Amino acid sequence: MEELRPGLWTWTAPHPEWRPKDGGPEGWEQAVRCYAVGSVLVDPLDPPSGLTPTAVVLTVRWHERSAASLGLPIHLPSGSRKQLPNAQRYSAGDELPGGIEAVAGFSRSEPFLWLPAHRALVAGDVLLADDAGGIRLEPDSWMPKRMRAGAAAPRLRHLLDLPVELFLPTHGDPVVEAATDRLRAALA
């Protein structure tokens, strides 16, 4: 577990459902990234000892990971059809536990999470970290057909109005330097 800022931690864990065919340039890596904002877990998988969680926030429905097994209240995007125990729906504009704010994404099922105290933006799948320390849009093969061919970027440019200092993807490493510039490049 790594502390990015006081009260903001991250860790990775191997996803138990990952298969070698899931990897590659259009795929995702076996190790997925999770966060803790104070006592709130974001997309948790095997939370490390030493945390005392009180709630879970999911960025997107298929990031349930260990959430249901923790027995905590779960906050799930409003556009999700997934049914989870202890789940409460949230929408863009809602304030969530831990001072987390839900920000519009390209769909109701995948909002972004804004952590104003840390000036950090958490992304589920639509924006990913790349191997060069930058940010990229998810591959077209992951997106609904209506969002392919660059349709997502214009609908995400409102994110540039946020004073982003940290970009926290759930796939890839956190972007801790020039995050706003790298976000602007990804959405150009």
Protein backbone atom coordinates (compact mmCIF):
# COMPACT_ATOMS: atom_id res chain seq x y z
CA MET A 1 0.00 0.00 0.00
CA GLU A 2 1.31 3.44 -0.94
CA GLU A 3 0.20 6.74 0.57
CA LEU A 4 -0.15 9.27 -2.25
CA ARG A 5 -1.13 12.11 0.09
CA PRO A 6 -2.12 12.15 3.75
CA GLY A 7 -5.36 10.17 3.93
CA LEU A 8 -5.16 8.89 0.32
CA TRP A 9 -3.78 5.41 -0.30
CA THR A 10 -3.49 3.07 -3.27
CA TRP A 11 -2.64 -0.57 -3.83
CA THR A 12 -2.88 -3.17 -6.56
CA ALA A 13 -4.08 -6.75 -6.46
CA PRO A 14 -4.37 -9.47 -9.09
CA HIS A 15 -7.92 -9.70 -10.38
CA PRO A 16 -9.17 -13.27 -9.77
CA GLU A 17 -11.23 -13.36 -12.97
CA TRP A 18 -8.39 -12.21 -15.25
CA ARG A 19 -7.27 -14.60 -17.99
CA PRO A 20 -4.29 -14.21 -20.36
CA LYS A 21 -6.71 -13.47 -23.22
CA ASP A 22 -7.81 -10.35 -21.28
CA GLY A 23 -4.36 -8.74 -21.68
CA GLY A 24 -2.68 -7.11 -24.64
CA PRO A 25 -3.03 -3.67 -26.26
CA GLU A 26 -6.85 -3.80 -26.27
CA GLY A 27 -7.05 -5.57 -22.93
CA TRP A 28 -6.36 -4.93 -19.28
CA GLU A 29 -3.60 -6.01 -16.97
CA GLN A 30 -4.10 -8.62 -14.28
CA ALA A 31 -3.16 -6.18 -11.51
CA VAL A 32 -5.96 -3.69 -10.92
CA ARG A 33 -5.68 -0.54 -8.81
CA CYS A 34 -7.72 0.31 -5.75
CA TYR A 35 -7.89 3.37 -3.49
CA ALA A 36 -8.78 4.37 0.05
CA VAL A 37 -9.90 7.92 0.79
CA GLY A 38 -9.81 8.08 4.56
CA SER A 39 -12.13 5.23 5.57
CA VAL A 40 -13.83 4.90 2.15
CA LEU A 41 -12.65 2.24 -0.28
CA VAL A 42 -12.87 2.84 -4.03
CA ASP A 43 -13.15 -0.26 -6.25
CA PRO A 44 -11.55 -2.45 -3.56
CA LEU A 45 -9.91 -5.80 -4.16
CA ASP A 46 -8.32 -7.48 -1.15
CA PRO A 47 -7.94 -4.35 0.99
CA PRO A 48 -4.66 -4.37 2.95
CA SER A 49 -4.69 -4.75 6.71
CA GLY A 50 -4.38 -1.48 8.58
CA LEU A 51 -7.40 0.11 6.93
CA THR A 52 -10.64 0.54 8.88
CA PRO A 53 -13.19 0.97 6.09
CA THR A 54 -16.70 2.29 6.65
CA ALA A 55 -18.04 2.39 3.06
CA VAL A 56 -17.29 1.43 -0.54
CA VAL A 57 -17.72 3.54 -3.68
CA LEU A 58 -17.65 1.83 -7.07
CA THR A 59 -16.65 3.77 -10.18
CA VAL A 60 -18.47 1.36 -12.48
CA ARG A 61 -20.67 -1.69 -11.87
CA TRP A 62 -18.18 -4.35 -12.95
CA HIS A 63 -15.61 -3.10 -10.42
CA GLU A 64 -17.43 -4.87 -7.60
CA ARG A 65 -14.27 -6.86 -6.86
CA SER A 66 -14.28 -7.51 -3.06
CA ALA A 67 -16.99 -4.96 -2.26
CA ALA A 68 -19.89 -7.31 -1.50
CA SER A 69 -17.79 -9.53 0.75
CA LEU A 70 -16.80 -6.62 3.02
CA GLY A 71 -20.29 -6.14 4.47
CA LEU A 72 -20.09 -2.35 4.13
CA PRO A 73 -22.53 0.13 2.56
CA ILE A 74 -21.82 0.24 -1.19
CA HIS A 75 -22.36 3.29 -3.39
CA LEU A 76 -23.04 2.26 -6.97
CA PRO A 77 -23.51 4.48 -10.08
CA SER A 78 -27.19 5.14 -10.81
CA GLY A 79 -27.00 3.81 -14.37
CA SER A 80 -25.92 0.38 -13.19
CA ARG A 81 -28.30 -2.55 -13.43
CA LYS A 82 -26.22 -4.56 -10.97
CA GLN A 83 -27.87 -5.57 -7.70
CA LEU A 84 -25.58 -5.69 -4.67
CA PRO A 85 -26.35 -6.08 -0.98
CA ASN A 86 -26.16 -2.81 0.98
CA ALA A 87 -26.08 -0.82 -2.29
CA GLN A 88 -27.17 2.79 -2.63
CA ARG A 89 -27.31 4.49 -6.03
CA TYR A 90 -25.51 7.75 -6.75
CA SER A 91 -25.51 10.19 -9.66
CA ALA A 92 -23.30 13.00 -10.92
CA GLY A 93 -23.58 15.90 -8.52
CA ASP A 94 -24.00 13.72 -5.44
CA GLU A 95 -21.70 13.98 -2.45
CA LEU A 96 -20.49 10.60 -1.26
CA PRO A 97 -18.81 9.48 1.95
CA GLY A 98 -15.25 10.65 2.48
CA GLY A 99 -15.88 14.02 0.83
CA ILE A 100 -16.01 12.35 -2.59
CA GLU A 101 -18.05 14.12 -5.27
CA ALA A 102 -19.56 12.32 -8.25
CA VAL A 103 -18.80 14.10 -11.55
CA ALA A 104 -20.51 13.40 -14.88
CA GLY A 105 -18.81 10.86 -17.11
CA PHE A 106 -19.85 9.82 -20.60
CA SER A 107 -22.72 7.81 -19.16
CA ARG A 108 -24.74 7.51 -15.94
CA SER A 109 -23.19 4.10 -15.37
CA GLU A 110 -19.63 5.46 -15.18
CA PRO A 111 -19.24 8.81 -13.45
CA PHE A 112 -15.88 10.10 -12.27
CA LEU A 113 -15.01 10.61 -8.63
CA TRP A 114 -13.60 13.99 -7.62
CA LEU A 115 -11.62 14.18 -4.38
CA PRO A 116 -11.48 17.95 -3.76
CA ALA A 117 -9.33 17.68 -0.63
CA HIS A 118 -6.63 15.95 -2.70
CA ARG A 119 -7.35 17.60 -6.06
CA ALA A 120 -7.59 14.09 -7.45
CA LEU A 121 -9.78 12.58 -10.17
CA VAL A 122 -10.61 8.86 -10.04
CA ALA A 123 -11.58 7.12 -13.29
CA GLY A 124 -13.13 3.68 -13.69
CA ASP A 125 -12.51 2.51 -17.25
CA VAL A 126 -13.12 5.33 -19.73
CA LEU A 127 -9.75 6.96 -18.98
CA LEU A 128 -6.69 4.83 -18.28
CA ALA A 129 -3.04 5.43 -17.51
CA ASP A 130 -0.65 4.57 -20.31
CA ASP A 131 2.80 3.02 -20.02
CA ALA A 132 4.53 6.39 -20.58
CA GLY A 133 2.95 8.08 -17.55
CA GLY A 134 0.17 9.71 -19.55
CA ILE A 135 -3.57 9.29 -19.83
CA ARG A 136 -5.52 7.67 -22.66
CA LEU A 137 -9.09 6.85 -23.56
CA GLU A 138 -10.14 3.26 -23.12
CA PRO A 139 -9.86 1.13 -26.28
CA ASP A 140 -12.81 1.29 -28.67
CA SER A 141 -13.41 -2.42 -28.05
CA TRP A 142 -14.38 -1.58 -24.44
CA MET A 143 -16.79 1.22 -25.36
CA PRO A 144 -20.42 1.05 -26.40
CA LYS A 145 -20.72 1.50 -30.15
CA ARG A 146 -22.24 4.99 -29.75
CA MET A 147 -19.05 6.20 -28.01
CA ARG A 148 -16.47 4.88 -30.45
CA ALA A 149 -14.39 6.86 -32.93
CA GLY A 150 -13.56 9.70 -30.58
CA ALA A 151 -17.11 10.46 -29.42
CA ALA A 152 -16.13 10.12 -25.73
CA ALA A 153 -13.47 12.85 -25.61
CA PRO A 154 -15.79 15.82 -26.36
CA ARG A 155 -18.22 14.63 -23.68
CA LEU A 156 -15.42 14.53 -21.09
CA ARG A 157 -13.83 17.95 -21.68
CA HIS A 158 -15.74 19.41 -18.71
CA LEU A 159 -13.20 17.51 -16.56
CA LEU A 160 -10.62 20.12 -17.61
CA ASP A 161 -12.50 22.65 -15.45
CA LEU A 162 -11.36 20.75 -12.36
CA PRO A 163 -7.98 21.66 -10.78
CA VAL A 164 -6.64 18.10 -11.20
CA GLU A 165 -3.25 17.48 -9.59
CA LEU A 166 -3.55 13.69 -9.38
CA PHE A 167 -5.19 11.37 -11.90
CA LEU A 168 -6.13 8.07 -10.28
CA PRO A 169 -7.01 5.33 -12.77
CA THR A 170 -8.21 1.89 -11.75
CA HIS A 171 -6.13 0.45 -14.58
CA GLY A 172 -2.53 1.67 -14.56
CA ASP A 173 -0.41 3.80 -12.28
CA PRO A 174 -1.51 7.11 -10.76
CA VAL A 175 -0.44 10.20 -12.69
CA VAL A 176 1.15 12.45 -10.08
CA GLU A 177 2.91 14.99 -12.31
CA ALA A 178 1.34 17.34 -14.87
CA ALA A 179 -1.99 15.54 -14.52
CA THR A 180 -4.04 18.41 -15.99
CA ASP A 181 -1.75 18.66 -19.03
CA ARG A 182 -1.90 14.90 -19.57
CA LEU A 183 -5.68 14.92 -19.19
CA ARG A 184 -5.91 17.75 -21.74
CA ALA A 185 -3.76 15.74 -24.19
CA ALA A 186 -5.97 12.66 -23.76
CA LEU A 187 -9.12 14.65 -24.48
CA ALA A 188 -7.71 16.65 -27.43
